[in-house]
Amino acid sequence: MIFEASEFVFQPPPSISRARRILIKPSAFNPIPYPVTTSRDMLSLIIESIRQVSDADILLLEGTPGGGPVYPIYQALGYNFPRVLMLDVKDCIWVEVDNPLAKPFAVPTFWVPNVILSSDYLITVAPPKILSGRASLSIMNLLSLLPSSKYHSQALSGWGALYSLGIDKVLADLYFTLPFDLGIIEARQKFTSSDNTTQGEVEEYGKVFIGEPYRIDSEASETLGLKTDYLDLIDVAKVELET
């Protein structure tokens, strides 16, 4: 669904009221404010709306490309929400999770924080970004849930080993391995950068996309004219799973 950003009100789905632990994944692996990262206002709106229908534990989880601490970034972005547990991927216990696809595109298993598996409802919240011609939306936001120390390469830090496998294939695999319940694309603005994740062109857009992550990434890609090859791979895998 697409909403005007000025009129957007987060209506928690009924399953949130039954959840005991809700995990929110913001886009927050550097201290540059929105639209490079998820805005504090959007997270505050989501958290306050959840609190109206649920006393569940609410967790925020993020990791950094170089494996540095994420807590200073949370602080710089103003992520200081009451009764919300702020977590760093590098400090979590990691478990190896099988890719449910019979024929994975690139990665048969992923190392993920075990807190994801123990959460009842998963939300990914990200701004729309175009980095070096590649769209970064709600599914791309899941990449920094993976511990960078497990996936760096000799040539590239962060998740370099995954990029060398073909990041669109990796994202398609990750979508099925970590099935998030809800995605929110905070498209009040769109950020475009040719070769830098912190400096670029900001364009006003005034929308919010909300729904199942694959659906909203597809909708945002079509509406914004973005190139998202991993969606085509997800389409292929969905057909194979249904047959």
C-alpha atoms as a PDB file:
ATOM      1  CA  MET A   1       0.000   0.000   0.000  1.00  0.00           C
ATOM      2  CA  ILE A   2       1.093   3.567  -0.703  1.00  0.00           C
ATOM      3  CA  PHE A   3       0.308   6.440   1.647  1.00  0.00           C
ATOM      4  CA  GLU A   4       0.935  10.139   1.506  1.00  0.00           C
ATOM      5  CA  ALA A   5       3.734  10.694   4.003  1.00  0.00           C
ATOM      6  CA  SER A   6       1.939  13.671   5.565  1.00  0.00           C
ATOM      7  CA  GLU A   7      -1.102  11.495   6.305  1.00  0.00           C
ATOM      8  CA  PHE A   8       0.643   8.245   7.261  1.00  0.00           C
ATOM      9  CA  VAL A   9      -0.478   6.604  10.504  1.00  0.00           C
ATOM     10  CA  PHE A  10       0.919   3.216  11.420  1.00  0.00           C
ATOM     11  CA  GLN A  11      -1.920   0.759  12.056  1.00  0.00           C
ATOM     12  CA  PRO A  12      -0.413  -2.342  13.726  1.00  0.00           C
ATOM     13  CA  PRO A  13      -1.614  -5.580  12.089  1.00  0.00           C
ATOM     14  CA  PRO A  14      -3.684  -7.829  14.408  1.00  0.00           C
ATOM     15  CA  SER A  15      -0.808 -10.315  14.754  1.00  0.00           C
ATOM     16  CA  ILE A  16       1.272  -7.662  16.525  1.00  0.00           C
ATOM     17  CA  SER A  17      -1.189  -7.620  19.421  1.00  0.00           C
ATOM     18  CA  ARG A  18      -0.502 -11.345  19.933  1.00  0.00           C
ATOM     19  CA  ALA A  19       3.287 -11.102  19.713  1.00  0.00           C
ATOM     20  CA  ARG A  20       5.523 -11.389  22.759  1.00  0.00           C
ATOM     21  CA  ARG A  21       8.673 -10.066  21.050  1.00  0.00           C
ATOM     22  CA  ILE A  22       8.754  -7.630  18.107  1.00  0.00           C
ATOM     23  CA  LEU A  23      11.989  -6.945  16.249  1.00  0.00           C
ATOM     24  CA  ILE A  24      12.451  -3.796  14.189  1.00  0.00           C
ATOM     25  CA  LYS A  25      15.323  -3.566  11.713  1.00  0.00           C
ATOM     26  CA  PRO A  26      16.112   0.072  10.848  1.00  0.00           C
ATOM     27  CA  SER A  27      18.607   1.172   8.236  1.00  0.00           C
ATOM     28  CA  ALA A  28      21.163   2.638  10.624  1.00  0.00           C
ATOM     29  CA  PHE A  29      24.691   1.433   9.967  1.00  0.00           C
ATOM     30  CA  ASN A  30      26.128   4.954   9.775  1.00  0.00           C
ATOM     31  CA  PRO A  31      25.351   8.158  11.729  1.00  0.00           C
ATOM     32  CA  ILE A  32      24.076  10.226   8.772  1.00  0.00           C
ATOM     33  CA  PRO A  33      20.402  11.205   9.325  1.00  0.00           C
ATOM     34  CA  TYR A  34      17.426  10.573   7.037  1.00  0.00           C
ATOM     35  CA  PRO A  35      17.217   9.980   4.107  1.00  0.00           C
ATOM     36  CA  VAL A  36      20.497   8.056   4.402  1.00  0.00           C
ATOM     37  CA  THR A  37      19.152   6.220   7.447  1.00  0.00           C
ATOM     38  CA  THR A  38      15.719   5.518   8.939  1.00  0.00           C
ATOM     39  CA  SER A  39      14.353   8.613  10.654  1.00  0.00           C
ATOM     40  CA  ARG A  40      13.769   8.747  14.370  1.00  0.00           C
ATOM     41  CA  ASP A  41      10.277  10.116  13.713  1.00  0.00           C
ATOM     42  CA  MET A  42       9.263   7.014  11.732  1.00  0.00           C
ATOM     43  CA  LEU A  43      10.600   4.631  14.366  1.00  0.00           C
ATOM     44  CA  SER A  44       8.902   6.620  17.130  1.00  0.00           C
ATOM     45  CA  LEU A  45       5.582   6.460  15.274  1.00  0.00           C
ATOM     46  CA  ILE A  46       5.860   2.687  14.850  1.00  0.00           C
ATOM     47  CA  ILE A  47       6.882   2.071  18.457  1.00  0.00           C
ATOM     48  CA  GLU A  48       4.159   4.298  19.921  1.00  0.00           C
ATOM     49  CA  SER A  49       1.521   2.625  17.743  1.00  0.00           C
ATOM     50  CA  ILE A  50       2.674  -0.839  18.824  1.00  0.00           C
ATOM     51  CA  ARG A  51       2.489   0.221  22.466  1.00  0.00           C
ATOM     52  CA  GLN A  52      -1.173   1.101  22.001  1.00  0.00           C
ATOM     53  CA  VAL A  53      -2.046  -2.533  21.242  1.00  0.00           C
ATOM     54  CA  SER A  54       0.743  -4.589  22.822  1.00  0.00           C
ATOM     55  CA  ASP A  55       3.050  -4.873  25.841  1.00  0.00           C
ATOM     56  CA  ALA A  56       5.445  -7.040  23.864  1.00  0.00           C
ATOM     57  CA  ASP A  57       9.208  -6.631  24.113  1.00  0.00           C
ATOM     58  CA  ILE A  58      10.380  -4.331  21.306  1.00  0.00           C
ATOM     59  CA  LEU A  59      13.912  -4.772  19.963  1.00  0.00           C
ATOM     60  CA  LEU A  60      15.954  -2.687  17.534  1.00  0.00           C
ATOM     61  CA  LEU A  61      18.724  -4.595  15.763  1.00  0.00           C
ATOM     62  CA  GLU A  62      21.441  -3.317  13.418  1.00  0.00           C
ATOM     63  CA  GLY A  63      25.030  -4.085  12.445  1.00  0.00           C
ATOM     64  CA  THR A  64      27.872  -2.134  10.836  1.00  0.00           C
ATOM     65  CA  PRO A  65      29.941  -2.996   7.749  1.00  0.00           C
ATOM     66  CA  GLY A  66      33.276  -2.919   9.567  1.00  0.00           C
ATOM     67  CA  GLY A  67      32.053  -4.674  12.680  1.00  0.00           C
ATOM     68  CA  GLY A  68      32.338  -1.540  14.801  1.00  0.00           C
ATOM     69  CA  PRO A  69      29.828  -0.787  17.586  1.00  0.00           C
ATOM     70  CA  VAL A  70      26.388   0.347  16.514  1.00  0.00           C
ATOM     71  CA  TYR A  71      25.431   2.011  19.821  1.00  0.00           C
ATOM     72  CA  PRO A  72      27.193   5.336  19.037  1.00  0.00           C
ATOM     73  CA  ILE A  73      25.237   5.402  15.781  1.00  0.00           C
ATOM     74  CA  TYR A  74      21.958   4.823  17.612  1.00  0.00           C
ATOM     75  CA  GLN A  75      22.878   7.746  19.868  1.00  0.00           C
ATOM     76  CA  ALA A  76      23.847  10.038  16.984  1.00  0.00           C
ATOM     77  CA  LEU A  77      20.539   9.312  15.233  1.00  0.00           C
ATOM     78  CA  GLY A  78      18.504  10.009  18.375  1.00  0.00           C
ATOM     79  CA  TYR A  79      17.327   6.422  18.810  1.00  0.00           C
ATOM     80  CA  ASN A  80      16.590   6.728  22.513  1.00  0.00           C
ATOM     81  CA  PHE A  81      13.187   5.109  22.886  1.00  0.00           C
ATOM     82  CA  PRO A  82      11.853   4.098  26.304  1.00  0.00           C
ATOM     83  CA  ARG A  83      11.250   0.393  26.931  1.00  0.00           C
ATOM     84  CA  VAL A  84      13.025  -0.556  23.700  1.00  0.00           C
ATOM     85  CA  LEU A  85      16.055  -2.845  23.766  1.00  0.00           C
ATOM     86  CA  MET A  86      18.797  -1.652  21.401  1.00  0.00           C
ATOM     87  CA  LEU A  87      20.931  -4.490  20.048  1.00  0.00           C
ATOM     88  CA  ASP A  88      24.113  -4.812  18.006  1.00  0.00           C
ATOM     89  CA  VAL A  89      24.468  -7.701  15.554  1.00  0.00           C
ATOM     90  CA  LYS A  90      28.107  -8.258  16.547  1.00  0.00           C
ATOM     91  CA  ASP A  91      27.147  -8.797  20.200  1.00  0.00           C
ATOM     92  CA  CYS A  92      24.464 -11.400  19.463  1.00  0.00           C
ATOM     93  CA  ILE A  93      24.799 -15.156  19.433  1.00  0.00           C
ATOM     94  CA  TRP A  94      24.809 -16.276  15.804  1.00  0.00           C
ATOM     95  CA  VAL A  95      23.227 -19.441  14.511  1.00  0.00           C
ATOM     96  CA  GLU A  96      23.468 -21.034  11.083  1.00  0.00           C
ATOM     97  CA  VAL A  97      20.103 -21.172   9.333  1.00  0.00           C
ATOM     98  CA  ASP A  98      19.315 -23.277   6.274  1.00  0.00           C
ATOM     99  CA  ASN A  99      18.049 -21.626   3.137  1.00  0.00           C
ATOM    100  CA  PRO A 100      14.614 -23.260   2.520  1.00  0.00           C
ATOM    101  CA  LEU A 101      15.048 -23.166  -1.264  1.00  0.00           C
ATOM    102  CA  ALA A 102      15.807 -26.572  -2.763  1.00  0.00           C
ATOM    103  CA  LYS A 103      18.196 -24.859  -5.190  1.00  0.00           C
ATOM    104  CA  PRO A 104      19.654 -21.753  -3.534  1.00  0.00           C
ATOM    105  CA  PHE A 105      20.795 -19.011  -5.879  1.00  0.00           C
ATOM    106  CA  ALA A 106      24.073 -18.403  -4.022  1.00  0.00           C
ATOM    107  CA  VAL A 107      24.002 -19.158  -0.270  1.00  0.00           C
ATOM    108  CA  PRO A 108      22.741 -22.479   1.182  1.00  0.00           C
ATOM    109  CA  THR A 109      22.991 -21.294   4.811  1.00  0.00           C
ATOM    110  CA  PHE A 110      23.213 -17.926   6.566  1.00  0.00           C
ATOM    111  CA  TRP A 111      24.689 -16.948   9.933  1.00  0.00           C
ATOM    112  CA  VAL A 112      22.078 -14.795  11.691  1.00  0.00           C
ATOM    113  CA  PRO A 113      21.535 -13.409  15.217  1.00  0.00           C
ATOM    114  CA  ASN A 114      19.475 -15.900  17.203  1.00  0.00           C
ATOM    115  CA  VAL A 115      17.272 -13.086  18.531  1.00  0.00           C
ATOM    116  CA  ILE A 116      15.664 -12.941  15.085  1.00  0.00           C
ATOM    117  CA  LEU A 117      14.540 -16.558  15.395  1.00  0.00           C
ATOM    118  CA  SER A 118      13.089 -15.953  18.871  1.00  0.00           C
ATOM    119  CA  SER A 119      11.037 -12.930  17.773  1.00  0.00           C
ATOM    120  CA  ASP A 120       7.362 -13.297  16.906  1.00  0.00           C
ATOM    121  CA  TYR A 121       7.046 -10.376  14.500  1.00  0.00           C
ATOM    122  CA  LEU A 122       9.710  -8.860  12.250  1.00  0.00           C
ATOM    123  CA  ILE A 123       9.619  -5.376  10.691  1.00  0.00           C
ATOM    124  CA  THR A 124      12.135  -3.859   8.265  1.00  0.00           C
ATOM    125  CA  VAL A 125      12.081  -0.045   7.955  1.00  0.00           C
ATOM    126  CA  ALA A 126      14.257   1.768   5.415  1.00  0.00           C
ATOM    127  CA  PRO A 127      14.443   4.849   3.199  1.00  0.00           C
ATOM    128  CA  PRO A 128      14.655   4.357  -0.589  1.00  0.00           C
ATOM    129  CA  LYS A 129      18.230   4.743  -1.782  1.00  0.00           C
ATOM    130  CA  ILE A 130      19.928   4.290  -5.150  1.00  0.00           C
ATOM    131  CA  LEU A 131      23.606   3.551  -4.570  1.00  0.00           C
ATOM    132  CA  SER A 132      25.834   3.202  -7.628  1.00  0.00           C
ATOM    133  CA  GLY A 133      22.749   2.441  -9.705  1.00  0.00           C
ATOM    134  CA  ARG A 134      21.438  -0.258  -7.359  1.00  0.00           C
ATOM    135  CA  ALA A 135      18.192   0.170  -5.409  1.00  0.00           C
ATOM    136  CA  SER A 136      18.284  -0.287  -1.645  1.00  0.00           C
ATOM    137  CA  LEU A 137      14.806  -0.962  -0.250  1.00  0.00           C
ATOM    138  CA  SER A 138      13.236  -3.088   2.501  1.00  0.00           C
ATOM    139  CA  ILE A 139      14.845  -6.406   1.508  1.00  0.00           C
ATOM    140  CA  MET A 140      18.294  -4.898   0.944  1.00  0.00           C
ATOM    141  CA  ASN A 141      17.969  -3.554   4.494  1.00  0.00           C
ATOM    142  CA  LEU A 142      18.160  -7.137   5.791  1.00  0.00           C
ATOM    143  CA  LEU A 143      21.775  -7.539   4.654  1.00  0.00           C
ATOM    144  CA  SER A 144      23.229  -5.762   7.691  1.00  0.00           C
ATOM    145  CA  LEU A 145      21.557  -8.320   9.964  1.00  0.00           C
ATOM    146  CA  LEU A 146      24.329 -10.680   8.883  1.00  0.00           C
ATOM    147  CA  PRO A 147      27.542 -10.490  10.942  1.00  0.00           C
ATOM    148  CA  SER A 148      30.103  -8.737   8.740  1.00  0.00           C
ATOM    149  CA  SER A 149      32.936 -10.692  10.388  1.00  0.00           C
ATOM    150  CA  LYS A 150      31.516 -13.839   8.797  1.00  0.00           C
ATOM    151  CA  TYR A 151      31.146 -12.347   5.339  1.00  0.00           C
ATOM    152  CA  HIS A 152      34.064 -10.006   4.671  1.00  0.00           C
ATOM    153  CA  SER A 153      36.560 -10.855   1.967  1.00  0.00           C
ATOM    154  CA  GLN A 154      40.275 -10.144   1.664  1.00  0.00           C
ATOM    155  CA  ALA A 155      39.561  -7.400  -0.858  1.00  0.00           C
ATOM    156  CA  LEU A 156      36.371  -5.965   0.616  1.00  0.00           C
ATOM    157  CA  SER A 157      35.258  -5.324   4.186  1.00  0.00           C
ATOM    158  CA  GLY A 158      31.667  -5.592   5.359  1.00  0.00           C
ATOM    159  CA  TRP A 159      29.747  -8.141   3.321  1.00  0.00           C
ATOM    160  CA  GLY A 160      32.276  -8.315   0.482  1.00  0.00           C
ATOM    161  CA  ALA A 161      32.187 -12.110   0.235  1.00  0.00           C
ATOM    162  CA  LEU A 162      28.445 -11.961  -0.422  1.00  0.00           C
ATOM    163  CA  TYR A 163      28.808  -9.259  -3.057  1.00  0.00           C
ATOM    164  CA  SER A 164      31.328 -11.448  -4.853  1.00  0.00           C
ATOM    165  CA  LEU A 165      28.641 -14.151  -5.149  1.00  0.00           C
ATOM    166  CA  GLY A 166      26.239 -11.721  -6.807  1.00  0.00           C
ATOM    167  CA  ILE A 167      24.323  -9.580  -4.349  1.00  0.00           C
ATOM    168  CA  ASP A 168      20.965  -9.967  -6.118  1.00  0.00           C
ATOM    169  CA  LYS A 169      21.220 -13.758  -5.759  1.00  0.00           C
ATOM    170  CA  VAL A 170      22.169 -13.341  -2.104  1.00  0.00           C
ATOM    171  CA  LEU A 171      19.211 -11.027  -1.441  1.00  0.00           C
ATOM    172  CA  ALA A 172      16.794 -13.484  -3.038  1.00  0.00           C
ATOM    173  CA  ASP A 173      18.166 -16.254  -0.811  1.00  0.00           C
ATOM    174  CA  LEU A 174      18.015 -14.000   2.245  1.00  0.00           C
ATOM    175  CA  TYR A 175      14.393 -13.060   1.550  1.00  0.00           C
ATOM    176  CA  PHE A 176      13.320 -16.700   1.852  1.00  0.00           C
ATOM    177  CA  THR A 177      15.649 -17.504   4.762  1.00  0.00           C
ATOM    178  CA  LEU A 178      14.571 -14.534   6.899  1.00  0.00           C
ATOM    179  CA  PRO A 179      10.871 -14.068   6.125  1.00  0.00           C
ATOM    180  CA  PHE A 180      10.084 -10.657   7.612  1.00  0.00           C
ATOM    181  CA  ASP A 181       6.414 -10.020   8.294  1.00  0.00           C
ATOM    182  CA  LEU A 182       6.264  -6.341   7.360  1.00  0.00           C
ATOM    183  CA  GLY A 183       8.258  -3.844   5.358  1.00  0.00           C
ATOM    184  CA  ILE A 184       8.051  -0.053   5.482  1.00  0.00           C
ATOM    185  CA  ILE A 185       9.774   2.144   2.906  1.00  0.00           C
ATOM    186  CA  GLU A 186       9.970   5.696   4.225  1.00  0.00           C
ATOM    187  CA  ALA A 187       9.887   7.542   0.907  1.00  0.00           C
ATOM    188  CA  ARG A 188       9.311  11.109   2.046  1.00  0.00           C
ATOM    189  CA  GLN A 189      12.588  11.613   0.219  1.00  0.00           C
ATOM    190  CA  LYS A 190      14.730   9.542  -2.147  1.00  0.00           C
ATOM    191  CA  PHE A 191      18.520   9.460  -1.844  1.00  0.00           C
ATOM    192  CA  THR A 192      20.767   8.861  -4.865  1.00  0.00           C
ATOM    193  CA  SER A 193      24.536   8.492  -4.793  1.00  0.00           C
ATOM    194  CA  SER A 194      26.928   7.426  -7.538  1.00  0.00           C
ATOM    195  CA  ASP A 195      29.765   6.112  -5.396  1.00  0.00           C
ATOM    196  CA  ASN A 196      29.236   7.208  -1.792  1.00  0.00           C
ATOM    197  CA  THR A 197      26.692   6.011   0.752  1.00  0.00           C
ATOM    198  CA  THR A 198      26.752   9.264   2.752  1.00  0.00           C
ATOM    199  CA  GLN A 199      26.769  12.033   0.126  1.00  0.00           C
ATOM    200  CA  GLY A 200      24.384  12.332  -2.773  1.00  0.00           C
ATOM    201  CA  GLU A 201      21.271  13.920  -4.241  1.00  0.00           C
ATOM    202  CA  VAL A 202      18.071  14.167  -2.203  1.00  0.00           C
ATOM    203  CA  GLU A 203      14.733  14.279  -4.009  1.00  0.00           C
ATOM    204  CA  GLU A 204      11.383  15.020  -2.366  1.00  0.00           C
ATOM    205  CA  TYR A 205       8.797  12.263  -2.913  1.00  0.00           C
ATOM    206  CA  GLY A 206       6.277  12.374  -0.042  1.00  0.00           C
ATOM    207  CA  LYS A 207       5.182   8.736   0.132  1.00  0.00           C
ATOM    208  CA  VAL A 208       5.287   5.760   2.496  1.00  0.00           C
ATOM    209  CA  PHE A 209       5.075   2.166   1.254  1.00  0.00           C
ATOM    210  CA  ILE A 210       3.933  -0.488   3.713  1.00  0.00           C
ATOM    211  CA  GLY A 211       3.226  -4.198   3.316  1.00  0.00           C
ATOM    212  CA  GLU A 212       4.949  -7.540   2.818  1.00  0.00           C
ATOM    213  CA  PRO A 213       8.592  -6.754   1.882  1.00  0.00           C
ATOM    214  CA  TYR A 214       8.569  -8.334  -1.582  1.00  0.00           C
ATOM    215  CA  ARG A 215       5.302  -6.597  -2.469  1.00  0.00           C
ATOM    216  CA  ILE A 216       6.396  -3.122  -1.373  1.00  0.00           C
ATOM    217  CA  ASP A 217       9.827  -3.444  -2.968  1.00  0.00           C
ATOM    218  CA  SER A 218       8.058  -4.348  -6.206  1.00  0.00           C
ATOM    219  CA  GLU A 219       5.606  -1.482  -5.854  1.00  0.00           C
ATOM    220  CA  ALA A 220       8.311   1.039  -4.972  1.00  0.00           C
ATOM    221  CA  SER A 221      10.544  -0.162  -7.810  1.00  0.00           C
ATOM    222  CA  GLU A 222       7.759   0.263 -10.338  1.00  0.00           C
ATOM    223  CA  THR A 223       6.609   3.615  -8.976  1.00  0.00           C
ATOM    224  CA  LEU A 224      10.092   5.095  -8.598  1.00  0.00           C
ATOM    225  CA  GLY A 225      11.526   3.515 -11.744  1.00  0.00           C
ATOM    226  CA  LEU A 226      14.223   1.581  -9.900  1.00  0.00           C
ATOM    227  CA  LYS A 227      16.276  -1.413 -11.020  1.00  0.00           C
ATOM    228  CA  THR A 228      15.888  -4.324  -8.569  1.00  0.00           C
ATOM    229  CA  ASP A 229      17.049  -7.571 -10.158  1.00  0.00           C
ATOM    230  CA  TYR A 230      16.580  -9.620  -6.980  1.00  0.00           C
ATOM    231  CA  LEU A 231      12.811  -9.274  -7.370  1.00  0.00           C
ATOM    232  CA  ASP A 232      12.970 -11.229 -10.633  1.00  0.00           C
ATOM    233  CA  LEU A 233      14.886 -13.997  -8.870  1.00  0.00           C
ATOM    234  CA  ILE A 234      12.318 -14.078  -6.065  1.00  0.00           C
ATOM    235  CA  ASP A 235       9.606 -14.448  -8.700  1.00  0.00           C
ATOM    236  CA  VAL A 236      11.396 -17.483 -10.121  1.00  0.00           C
ATOM    237  CA  ALA A 237      11.801 -19.086  -6.695  1.00  0.00           C
ATOM    238  CA  LYS A 238       8.162 -18.460  -5.770  1.00  0.00           C
ATOM    239  CA  VAL A 239       7.034 -20.363  -8.855  1.00  0.00           C
ATOM    240  CA  GLU A 240       9.329 -23.283  -7.981  1.00  0.00           C
ATOM    241  CA  LEU A 241       8.031 -23.382  -4.398  1.00  0.00           C
ATOM    242  CA  GLU A 242       4.432 -23.480  -5.605  1.00  0.00           C
ATOM    243  CA  THR A 243       4.999 -26.364  -8.050  1.00  0.00           C
END
